Amino acid sequence: MHHGGKKPSMRRRRRWLPSDKEDRHIIAEVYLVVRRKKTTIHLNAKESTTVGEVKQMIEGILKVPPADQLLLKHQTEMKNEKTLASYNLNAQTARAHMPATLGLCLRDKGTDKFETLDITPYSTPPELPEVMRCQENMAPQTAQEIPAGAKQ
């Protein structure tokens, strides 16, 4: 509905175009797995995220201040002011299906020193019993033909 004899303005939607001041690169997601002992934390961040910001994310989960955290990539200490991209953590090296693994060491309150990196390996599930392997390998139509009350 419009007033008077004027036609309603036909406003076009402008496509978003980055200005010269803005970064023209699309900042991709980086997927991380942070491990310490039996704890595994899955995080995602941007390539431009600093190590200090990752430590703040960890603080939100573990309630340990960033000053008491030490992050390691391949046994090398990661500096708070550096970005994930500066450690070659990017969309190609840290994908959702293959996240990059970082080690986490916490400061020992008694000695005021960081613990040594200790990551408990994931356990390997036991092999499936023979009975379950047979059922798993059955063709779908064969599985449906087994009467509901039949013993296996």
N, C-alpha and C. Protein backbone atom coordinates (compact mmCIF):
# COMPACT_ATOMS: atom_id res chain seq x y z
N MET A 1 0.85 -1.17 0.00
CA MET A 1 0.00 0.00 0.00
C MET A 1 0.89 1.23 0.00
N HIS A 2 0.57 2.21 -0.86
CA HIS A 2 1.37 3.43 -0.87
C HIS A 2 0.46 4.64 -0.83
N HIS A 3 1.07 5.74 -0.42
CA HIS A 3 0.30 6.98 -0.26
C HIS A 3 0.58 7.91 -1.42
N GLY A 4 -0.40 8.68 -1.81
CA GLY A 4 -0.22 9.67 -2.86
C GLY A 4 -0.01 9.02 -4.21
N GLY A 5 0.51 9.80 -5.15
CA GLY A 5 0.70 9.32 -6.51
C GLY A 5 2.05 8.69 -6.75
N LYS A 6 2.88 8.65 -5.72
CA LYS A 6 4.22 8.10 -5.92
C LYS A 6 4.17 6.58 -5.99
N LYS A 7 5.00 6.04 -6.84
CA LYS A 7 5.13 4.60 -6.91
C LYS A 7 6.02 4.15 -5.76
N PRO A 8 5.77 2.96 -5.23
CA PRO A 8 6.68 2.47 -4.19
C PRO A 8 8.06 2.25 -4.79
N SER A 9 9.05 2.58 -4.01
CA SER A 9 10.41 2.44 -4.53
C SER A 9 10.74 0.96 -4.71
N MET A 10 11.38 0.67 -5.80
CA MET A 10 11.79 -0.70 -6.07
C MET A 10 13.24 -0.84 -5.61
N ARG A 11 13.39 -1.14 -4.36
CA ARG A 11 14.73 -1.26 -3.81
C ARG A 11 15.34 -2.59 -4.21
N ARG A 12 16.52 -2.54 -4.74
CA ARG A 12 17.21 -3.77 -5.09
C ARG A 12 18.07 -4.20 -3.93
N ARG A 13 18.14 -5.47 -3.77
CA ARG A 13 19.05 -5.99 -2.75
C ARG A 13 20.46 -5.93 -3.31
N ARG A 14 21.33 -5.32 -2.56
CA ARG A 14 22.72 -5.27 -3.00
C ARG A 14 23.44 -6.50 -2.52
N ARG A 15 24.17 -7.09 -3.43
CA ARG A 15 25.00 -8.23 -3.02
C ARG A 15 26.10 -7.71 -2.13
N TRP A 16 26.46 -8.49 -1.13
CA TRP A 16 27.52 -8.08 -0.23
C TRP A 16 28.85 -8.18 -0.94
N LEU A 17 29.56 -7.10 -0.93
CA LEU A 17 30.90 -7.08 -1.50
C LEU A 17 31.84 -6.54 -0.44
N PRO A 18 32.94 -7.19 -0.21
CA PRO A 18 33.84 -6.70 0.83
C PRO A 18 34.46 -5.36 0.42
N SER A 19 34.60 -4.48 1.40
CA SER A 19 35.27 -3.21 1.11
C SER A 19 36.77 -3.45 1.12
N ASP A 20 37.51 -2.43 0.71
CA ASP A 20 38.97 -2.56 0.69
C ASP A 20 39.54 -2.80 2.08
N LYS A 21 38.84 -2.28 3.09
CA LYS A 21 39.34 -2.40 4.46
C LYS A 21 39.12 -3.80 5.02
N GLU A 22 38.13 -4.49 4.50
CA GLU A 22 37.79 -5.80 5.05
C GLU A 22 38.61 -6.91 4.41
N ASP A 23 38.77 -7.97 5.16
CA ASP A 23 39.51 -9.12 4.65
C ASP A 23 38.66 -9.79 3.57
N ARG A 24 39.23 -9.97 2.40
CA ARG A 24 38.48 -10.57 1.30
C ARG A 24 38.50 -12.10 1.34
N HIS A 25 39.30 -12.67 2.21
CA HIS A 25 39.39 -14.13 2.30
C HIS A 25 38.27 -14.66 3.18
N ILE A 26 37.74 -15.77 2.79
CA ILE A 26 36.76 -16.45 3.64
C ILE A 26 37.57 -17.21 4.67
N ILE A 27 37.32 -16.91 5.93
CA ILE A 27 38.08 -17.57 6.99
C ILE A 27 37.40 -18.90 7.28
N ALA A 28 38.13 -19.95 7.06
CA ALA A 28 37.57 -21.30 7.15
C ALA A 28 37.63 -21.83 8.58
N GLU A 29 36.78 -22.80 8.83
CA GLU A 29 36.74 -23.48 10.12
C GLU A 29 37.93 -24.41 10.28
N VAL A 30 38.42 -24.46 11.49
CA VAL A 30 39.50 -25.37 11.87
C VAL A 30 38.92 -26.28 12.95
N TYR A 31 39.08 -27.58 12.78
CA TYR A 31 38.54 -28.54 13.74
C TYR A 31 39.69 -29.13 14.55
N LEU A 32 39.55 -29.06 15.87
CA LEU A 32 40.61 -29.49 16.77
C LEU A 32 40.12 -30.54 17.74
N VAL A 33 41.04 -31.42 18.12
CA VAL A 33 40.82 -32.36 19.22
C VAL A 33 41.92 -32.04 20.22
N VAL A 34 41.52 -31.65 21.42
CA VAL A 34 42.49 -31.34 22.47
C VAL A 34 42.46 -32.52 23.44
N ARG A 35 43.64 -33.12 23.68
CA ARG A 35 43.70 -34.34 24.50
C ARG A 35 44.64 -34.17 25.69
N ARG A 36 44.20 -34.72 26.82
CA ARG A 36 45.00 -34.78 28.04
C ARG A 36 44.51 -35.98 28.84
N LYS A 37 45.40 -36.89 29.14
CA LYS A 37 45.07 -38.12 29.87
C LYS A 37 43.88 -38.80 29.20
N LYS A 38 42.76 -38.97 29.93
CA LYS A 38 41.59 -39.64 29.34
C LYS A 38 40.55 -38.64 28.82
N THR A 39 40.91 -37.36 28.81
CA THR A 39 39.99 -36.32 28.38
C THR A 39 40.22 -35.96 26.91
N THR A 40 39.14 -35.89 26.16
CA THR A 40 39.18 -35.46 24.76
C THR A 40 38.16 -34.36 24.58
N ILE A 41 38.61 -33.21 24.08
CA ILE A 41 37.72 -32.07 23.85
C ILE A 41 37.73 -31.76 22.35
N HIS A 42 36.54 -31.71 21.76
CA HIS A 42 36.42 -31.35 20.34
C HIS A 42 36.06 -29.86 20.26
N LEU A 43 36.85 -29.10 19.53
CA LEU A 43 36.61 -27.67 19.36
C LEU A 43 36.64 -27.32 17.88
N ASN A 44 35.92 -26.28 17.53
CA ASN A 44 36.11 -25.72 16.20
C ASN A 44 36.29 -24.22 16.35
N ALA A 45 37.17 -23.69 15.51
CA ALA A 45 37.53 -22.28 15.58
C ALA A 45 37.83 -21.80 14.16
N LYS A 46 38.21 -20.55 14.04
CA LYS A 46 38.62 -19.99 12.75
C LYS A 46 40.14 -20.05 12.66
N GLU A 47 40.65 -19.99 11.45
CA GLU A 47 42.10 -19.98 11.25
C GLU A 47 42.74 -18.79 11.95
N SER A 48 41.98 -17.71 12.09
CA SER A 48 42.50 -16.48 12.70
C SER A 48 42.41 -16.49 14.23
N THR A 49 41.83 -17.54 14.80
CA THR A 49 41.73 -17.65 16.26
C THR A 49 43.13 -17.78 16.85
N THR A 50 43.37 -17.07 17.95
CA THR A 50 44.68 -17.18 18.60
C THR A 50 44.69 -18.37 19.55
N VAL A 51 45.88 -18.81 19.90
CA VAL A 51 46.04 -19.91 20.86
C VAL A 51 45.43 -19.48 22.20
N GLY A 52 45.59 -18.21 22.56
CA GLY A 52 45.00 -17.69 23.80
C GLY A 52 43.48 -17.83 23.80
N GLU A 53 42.85 -17.60 22.65
CA GLU A 53 41.40 -17.74 22.55
C GLU A 53 40.98 -19.21 22.66
N VAL A 54 41.79 -20.11 22.12
CA VAL A 54 41.51 -21.55 22.26
C VAL A 54 41.57 -21.92 23.74
N LYS A 55 42.56 -21.38 24.45
CA LYS A 55 42.68 -21.66 25.89
C LYS A 55 41.46 -21.14 26.65
N GLN A 56 40.89 -20.02 26.20
CA GLN A 56 39.67 -19.51 26.84
C GLN A 56 38.50 -20.46 26.61
N MET A 57 38.44 -21.07 25.42
CA MET A 57 37.40 -22.07 25.14
C MET A 57 37.56 -23.25 26.09
N ILE A 58 38.81 -23.68 26.28
CA ILE A 58 39.09 -24.81 27.16
C ILE A 58 38.73 -24.44 28.60
N GLU A 59 39.01 -23.19 28.99
CA GLU A 59 38.66 -22.73 30.34
C GLU A 59 37.16 -22.86 30.58
N GLY A 60 36.36 -22.56 29.57
CA GLY A 60 34.91 -22.68 29.69
C GLY A 60 34.45 -24.10 29.93
N ILE A 61 35.26 -25.07 29.51
CA ILE A 61 34.90 -26.48 29.66
C ILE A 61 35.51 -27.08 30.92
N LEU A 62 36.81 -26.89 31.10
CA LEU A 62 37.53 -27.52 32.22
C LEU A 62 37.62 -26.65 33.47
N LYS A 63 37.26 -25.37 33.37
CA LYS A 63 37.35 -24.42 34.49
C LYS A 63 38.79 -24.24 34.96
N VAL A 64 39.74 -24.29 34.02
CA VAL A 64 41.16 -24.07 34.32
C VAL A 64 41.56 -22.79 33.59
N PRO A 65 42.11 -21.78 34.31
CA PRO A 65 42.48 -20.53 33.63
C PRO A 65 43.54 -20.74 32.55
N PRO A 66 43.50 -19.93 31.48
CA PRO A 66 44.48 -20.06 30.39
C PRO A 66 45.93 -20.04 30.86
N ALA A 67 46.24 -19.28 31.90
CA ALA A 67 47.62 -19.20 32.40
C ALA A 67 48.11 -20.55 32.93
N ASP A 68 47.17 -21.42 33.29
CA ASP A 68 47.52 -22.74 33.83
C ASP A 68 47.41 -23.83 32.77
N GLN A 69 47.31 -23.44 31.50
CA GLN A 69 47.23 -24.40 30.40
C GLN A 69 48.44 -24.25 29.48
N LEU A 70 48.90 -25.36 28.96
CA LEU A 70 49.97 -25.37 27.97
C LEU A 70 49.48 -26.23 26.82
N LEU A 71 49.37 -25.64 25.63
CA LEU A 71 48.95 -26.39 24.45
C LEU A 71 50.17 -26.76 23.62
N LEU A 72 50.18 -27.99 23.13
CA LEU A 72 51.30 -28.49 22.35
C LEU A 72 50.81 -29.02 21.01
N LYS A 73 51.59 -28.72 19.97
CA LYS A 73 51.36 -29.33 18.66
C LYS A 73 52.65 -30.03 18.30
N HIS A 74 52.61 -31.34 18.15
CA HIS A 74 53.81 -32.14 17.87
C HIS A 74 54.92 -31.83 18.88
N GLN A 75 54.58 -31.86 20.16
CA GLN A 75 55.53 -31.64 21.26
C GLN A 75 56.09 -30.22 21.32
N THR A 76 55.56 -29.29 20.52
CA THR A 76 56.04 -27.91 20.51
C THR A 76 55.03 -27.02 21.20
N GLU A 77 55.51 -26.20 22.14
CA GLU A 77 54.63 -25.29 22.87
C GLU A 77 54.05 -24.25 21.92
N MET A 78 52.74 -24.03 22.04
CA MET A 78 52.06 -23.04 21.20
C MET A 78 51.94 -21.73 21.99
N LYS A 79 52.32 -20.62 21.37
CA LYS A 79 52.32 -19.30 22.02
C LYS A 79 50.94 -18.66 21.93
N ASN A 80 50.52 -18.03 23.03
CA ASN A 80 49.18 -17.44 23.14
C ASN A 80 48.83 -16.46 22.03
N GLU A 81 49.80 -15.63 21.63
CA GLU A 81 49.50 -14.56 20.67
C GLU A 81 49.46 -15.03 19.22
N LYS A 82 49.92 -16.24 18.96
CA LYS A 82 49.95 -16.74 17.58
C LYS A 82 48.58 -17.30 17.18
N THR A 83 48.30 -17.23 15.88
CA THR A 83 47.03 -17.76 15.38
C THR A 83 47.17 -19.25 15.06
N LEU A 84 46.04 -19.91 14.91
CA LEU A 84 46.06 -21.32 14.52
C LEU A 84 46.70 -21.46 13.15
N ALA A 85 46.42 -20.52 12.25
CA ALA A 85 47.00 -20.57 10.90
C ALA A 85 48.52 -20.53 10.94
N SER A 86 49.09 -19.81 11.91
CA SER A 86 50.55 -19.72 12.00
C SER A 86 51.18 -21.06 12.39
N TYR A 87 50.37 -21.96 12.92
CA TYR A 87 50.83 -23.32 13.24
C TYR A 87 50.38 -24.31 12.16
N ASN A 88 50.02 -23.80 11.00
CA ASN A 88 49.56 -24.62 9.88
C ASN A 88 48.29 -25.40 10.21
N LEU A 89 47.46 -24.81 11.05
CA LEU A 89 46.16 -25.40 11.35
C LEU A 89 45.14 -24.62 10.52
N ASN A 90 44.65 -25.25 9.47
CA ASN A 90 43.74 -24.58 8.55
C ASN A 90 42.70 -25.57 8.04
N ALA A 91 41.86 -25.12 7.12
CA ALA A 91 40.77 -25.96 6.61
C ALA A 91 41.27 -27.21 5.91
N GLN A 92 42.51 -27.21 5.43
CA GLN A 92 43.06 -28.38 4.75
C GLN A 92 43.70 -29.36 5.74
N THR A 93 44.27 -28.85 6.83
CA THR A 93 44.99 -29.72 7.76
C THR A 93 44.17 -30.12 8.98
N ALA A 94 43.05 -29.45 9.22
CA ALA A 94 42.23 -29.72 10.40
C ALA A 94 40.76 -29.73 9.99
N ARG A 95 40.35 -30.84 9.38
CA ARG A 95 38.99 -30.96 8.84
C ARG A 95 38.06 -31.60 9.86
N ALA A 96 36.77 -31.49 9.61
CA ALA A 96 35.78 -32.05 10.53
C ALA A 96 35.97 -33.55 10.70
N HIS A 97 36.23 -34.27 9.60
CA HIS A 97 36.37 -35.72 9.67
C HIS A 97 37.79 -36.15 10.04
N MET A 98 38.74 -35.23 10.01
CA MET A 98 40.13 -35.51 10.39
C MET A 98 40.68 -34.31 11.16
N PRO A 99 40.20 -34.10 12.39
CA PRO A 99 40.65 -32.91 13.13
C PRO A 99 42.12 -33.01 13.53
N ALA A 100 42.72 -31.86 13.75
CA ALA A 100 44.11 -31.81 14.23
C ALA A 100 44.11 -32.08 15.73
N THR A 101 45.09 -32.81 16.20
CA THR A 101 45.19 -33.13 17.63
C THR A 101 46.21 -32.23 18.30
N LEU A 102 45.80 -31.64 19.42
CA LEU A 102 46.69 -30.84 20.24
C LEU A 102 46.78 -31.49 21.61
N GLY A 103 47.95 -31.43 22.21
CA GLY A 103 48.12 -31.93 23.57
C GLY A 103 47.90 -30.81 24.57
N LEU A 104 47.37 -31.15 25.73
CA LEU A 104 47.12 -30.17 26.79
C LEU A 104 47.83 -30.60 28.06
N CYS A 105 48.61 -29.69 28.62
CA CYS A 105 49.25 -29.91 29.92
C CYS A 105 48.73 -28.84 30.86
N LEU A 106 48.48 -29.22 32.11
CA LEU A 106 48.01 -28.27 33.10
C LEU A 106 49.10 -28.01 34.13
N ARG A 107 49.04 -26.82 34.73
CA ARG A 107 50.02 -26.45 35.74
C ARG A 107 49.71 -27.20 37.04
N ASP A 108 50.73 -27.79 37.62
CA ASP A 108 50.62 -28.47 38.90
C ASP A 108 50.63 -27.40 39.98
N LYS A 109 49.55 -27.31 40.76
CA LYS A 109 49.43 -26.27 41.80
C LYS A 109 50.54 -26.39 42.84
N GLY A 110 50.96 -27.62 43.14
CA GLY A 110 51.99 -27.83 44.17
C GLY A 110 53.37 -27.34 43.74
N THR A 111 53.78 -27.69 42.53
CA THR A 111 55.13 -27.34 42.07
C THR A 111 55.15 -26.08 41.21
N ASP A 112 53.97 -25.62 40.77
CA ASP A 112 53.84 -24.46 39.88
C ASP A 112 54.48 -24.72 38.52
N LYS A 113 54.71 -26.00 38.19
CA LYS A 113 55.27 -26.37 36.88
C LYS A 113 54.21 -27.12 36.09
N PHE A 114 54.38 -27.12 34.77
CA PHE A 114 53.43 -27.84 33.93
C PHE A 114 53.75 -29.33 33.96
N GLU A 115 52.68 -30.13 34.00
CA GLU A 115 52.85 -31.58 33.96
C GLU A 115 53.41 -31.99 32.60
N THR A 116 53.98 -33.18 32.54
CA THR A 116 54.44 -33.69 31.24
C THR A 116 53.21 -34.17 30.47
N LEU A 117 53.29 -34.10 29.16
CA LEU A 117 52.16 -34.49 28.32
C LEU A 117 51.86 -35.97 28.52
N ASP A 118 50.60 -36.25 28.83
CA ASP A 118 50.16 -37.63 29.07
C ASP A 118 48.81 -37.81 28.39
N ILE A 119 48.80 -38.55 27.30
CA ILE A 119 47.56 -38.83 26.58
C ILE A 119 47.32 -40.33 26.62
N THR A 120 46.21 -40.72 27.22
CA THR A 120 45.85 -42.13 27.27
C THR A 120 45.36 -42.56 25.89
N PRO A 121 45.96 -43.59 25.31
CA PRO A 121 45.50 -44.04 23.98
C PRO A 121 44.05 -44.51 24.04
N TYR A 122 43.35 -44.31 22.94
CA TYR A 122 41.99 -44.82 22.86
C TYR A 122 42.04 -46.34 22.91
N SER A 123 41.05 -46.93 23.57
CA SER A 123 41.03 -48.39 23.63
C SER A 123 40.52 -48.94 22.30
N THR A 124 40.92 -50.16 22.01
CA THR A 124 40.45 -50.84 20.81
C THR A 124 39.29 -51.72 21.23
N PRO A 125 38.15 -51.62 20.57
CA PRO A 125 37.02 -52.45 20.97
C PRO A 125 37.33 -53.93 20.74
N PRO A 126 36.79 -54.79 21.59
CA PRO A 126 37.04 -56.23 21.39
C PRO A 126 36.41 -56.70 20.09
N GLU A 127 36.93 -57.80 19.57
CA GLU A 127 36.39 -58.35 18.33
C GLU A 127 34.96 -58.82 18.58
N LEU A 128 34.12 -58.68 17.56
CA LEU A 128 32.73 -59.11 17.69
C LEU A 128 32.66 -60.62 17.84
N PRO A 129 31.76 -61.09 18.71
CA PRO A 129 31.57 -62.54 18.81
C PRO A 129 31.07 -63.10 17.48
N GLU A 130 31.35 -64.37 17.24
CA GLU A 130 30.99 -65.03 15.97
C GLU A 130 29.51 -64.85 15.64
N VAL A 131 28.64 -65.00 16.63
CA VAL A 131 27.19 -64.90 16.41
C VAL A 131 26.84 -63.52 15.83
N MET A 132 27.42 -62.47 16.39
CA MET A 132 27.11 -61.12 15.92
C MET A 132 27.69 -60.87 14.53
N ARG A 133 28.85 -61.43 14.24
CA ARG A 133 29.46 -61.23 12.93
C ARG A 133 28.59 -61.85 11.84
N CYS A 134 28.00 -63.00 12.10
CA CYS A 134 27.14 -63.65 11.11
C CYS A 134 25.91 -62.79 10.83
N GLN A 135 25.28 -62.27 11.88
CA GLN A 135 24.09 -61.44 11.70
C GLN A 135 24.44 -60.17 10.93
N GLU A 136 25.58 -59.58 11.24
CA GLU A 136 25.97 -58.33 10.61
C GLU A 136 26.22 -58.51 9.12
N ASN A 137 26.70 -59.68 8.72
CA ASN A 137 27.04 -59.92 7.31
C ASN A 137 25.87 -60.45 6.49
N MET A 138 24.72 -60.68 7.12
CA MET A 138 23.56 -61.18 6.37
C MET A 138 23.04 -60.12 5.43
N ALA A 139 22.52 -60.58 4.30
CA ALA A 139 21.86 -59.65 3.38
C ALA A 139 20.57 -59.18 4.03
N PRO A 140 20.11 -57.96 3.76
CA PRO A 140 18.91 -57.44 4.42
C PRO A 140 17.69 -58.33 4.26
N GLN A 141 17.46 -58.91 3.04
CA GLN A 141 16.27 -59.74 2.85
C GLN A 141 16.37 -61.02 3.68
N THR A 142 17.56 -61.56 3.88
CA THR A 142 17.73 -62.77 4.68
C THR A 142 17.41 -62.46 6.14
N ALA A 143 17.85 -61.32 6.60
CA ALA A 143 17.60 -60.94 8.00
C ALA A 143 16.10 -60.80 8.25
N GLN A 144 15.34 -60.32 7.27
CA GLN A 144 13.91 -60.14 7.44
C GLN A 144 13.16 -61.46 7.42
N GLU A 145 13.73 -62.50 6.81
CA GLU A 145 13.05 -63.78 6.69
C GLU A 145 13.09 -64.59 7.98
N ILE A 146 13.92 -64.19 8.94
CA ILE A 146 13.99 -64.93 10.20
C ILE A 146 12.72 -64.63 10.98
N PRO A 147 11.96 -65.68 11.37
CA PRO A 147 10.72 -65.45 12.13
C PRO A 147 11.04 -64.73 13.44
N ALA A 148 10.11 -63.88 13.86
CA ALA A 148 10.33 -63.04 15.03
C ALA A 148 10.64 -63.85 16.28
N GLY A 149 9.99 -64.99 16.47
CA GLY A 149 10.19 -65.77 17.68
C GLY A 149 11.30 -66.81 17.57
N ALA A 150 11.96 -66.90 16.45
CA ALA A 150 12.98 -67.94 16.24
C ALA A 150 14.23 -67.65 17.06
N LYS A 151 14.80 -68.74 17.59
CA LYS A 151 16.05 -68.61 18.34
C LYS A 151 17.20 -68.66 17.35
N GLN A 152 18.25 -67.90 17.68
CA GLN A 152 19.41 -67.87 16.77
C GLN A 152 20.62 -68.44 17.44
